[in-house]
Amino acid sequence: MLLHDHPDDRTAERFAGQTTLHTGGKHASFLLVPVIPATR
């Protein structure tokens, strides 16, 4: 599991909200995620 939750980078005031993803109809959407190769 990868977490990006360091308090200096992810302040609650900026990132503790709710995220909504609208789909369908006039709300065409996609999710773009990086491919991160495993380290050995």
C-alpha atoms as a PDB file:
ATOM      1  CA  MET A   1       0.000   0.000   0.000  1.00  0.00           C
ATOM      2  CA  LEU A   2       1.213   3.492  -0.814  1.00  0.00           C
ATOM      3  CA  LEU A   3       0.122   6.372   1.377  1.00  0.00           C
ATOM      4  CA  HIS A   4       0.797  10.041   0.814  1.00  0.00           C
ATOM      5  CA  ASP A   5      -0.235  11.326   4.180  1.00  0.00           C
ATOM      6  CA  HIS A   6       2.697  13.258   5.613  1.00  0.00           C
ATOM      7  CA  PRO A   7       1.188  16.162   7.584  1.00  0.00           C
ATOM      8  CA  ASP A   8       3.537  18.725   6.014  1.00  0.00           C
ATOM      9  CA  ASP A   9       2.395  17.718   2.503  1.00  0.00           C
ATOM     10  CA  ARG A  10      -1.261  16.864   3.156  1.00  0.00           C
ATOM     11  CA  THR A  11      -2.711  19.454   5.518  1.00  0.00           C
ATOM     12  CA  ALA A  12      -6.229  18.737   6.735  1.00  0.00           C
ATOM     13  CA  GLU A  13      -7.369  22.217   5.746  1.00  0.00           C
ATOM     14  CA  ARG A  14      -6.514  21.513   2.123  1.00  0.00           C
ATOM     15  CA  PHE A  15      -7.065  17.781   1.686  1.00  0.00           C
ATOM     16  CA  ALA A  16      -9.629  16.579   4.262  1.00  0.00           C
ATOM     17  CA  GLY A  17     -12.653  17.338   2.093  1.00  0.00           C
ATOM     18  CA  GLN A  18     -14.894  15.088   0.058  1.00  0.00           C
ATOM     19  CA  THR A  19     -14.081  14.109  -3.507  1.00  0.00           C
ATOM     20  CA  THR A  20     -16.965  13.486  -5.900  1.00  0.00           C
ATOM     21  CA  LEU A  21     -16.587  11.832  -9.296  1.00  0.00           C
ATOM     22  CA  HIS A  22     -19.530  12.458 -11.645  1.00  0.00           C
ATOM     23  CA  THR A  23     -20.114   9.917 -14.406  1.00  0.00           C
ATOM     24  CA  GLY A  24     -22.546   9.427 -17.252  1.00  0.00           C
ATOM     25  CA  GLY A  25     -24.627  11.737 -19.382  1.00  0.00           C
ATOM     26  CA  LYS A  26     -23.068  15.175 -19.662  1.00  0.00           C
ATOM     27  CA  HIS A  27     -20.430  14.202 -17.079  1.00  0.00           C
ATOM     28  CA  ALA A  28     -17.968  12.164 -19.143  1.00  0.00           C
ATOM     29  CA  SER A  29     -15.063  11.266 -16.896  1.00  0.00           C
ATOM     30  CA  PHE A  30     -11.890   9.250 -16.653  1.00  0.00           C
ATOM     31  CA  LEU A  31      -9.298   8.430 -14.034  1.00  0.00           C
ATOM     32  CA  LEU A  32      -5.643   8.764 -14.975  1.00  0.00           C
ATOM     33  CA  VAL A  33      -3.229   7.003 -12.640  1.00  0.00           C
ATOM     34  CA  PRO A  34       0.515   6.520 -12.953  1.00  0.00           C
ATOM     35  CA  VAL A  35       2.136   3.123 -13.438  1.00  0.00           C
ATOM     36  CA  ILE A  36       4.883   2.857 -10.843  1.00  0.00           C
ATOM     37  CA  PRO A  37       7.210  -0.107 -11.350  1.00  0.00           C
ATOM     38  CA  ALA A  38       8.055  -2.216  -8.324  1.00  0.00           C
ATOM     39  CA  THR A  39      11.478  -1.682  -6.805  1.00  0.00           C
ATOM     40  CA  ARG A  40      13.755  -4.608  -6.241  1.00  0.00           C
END
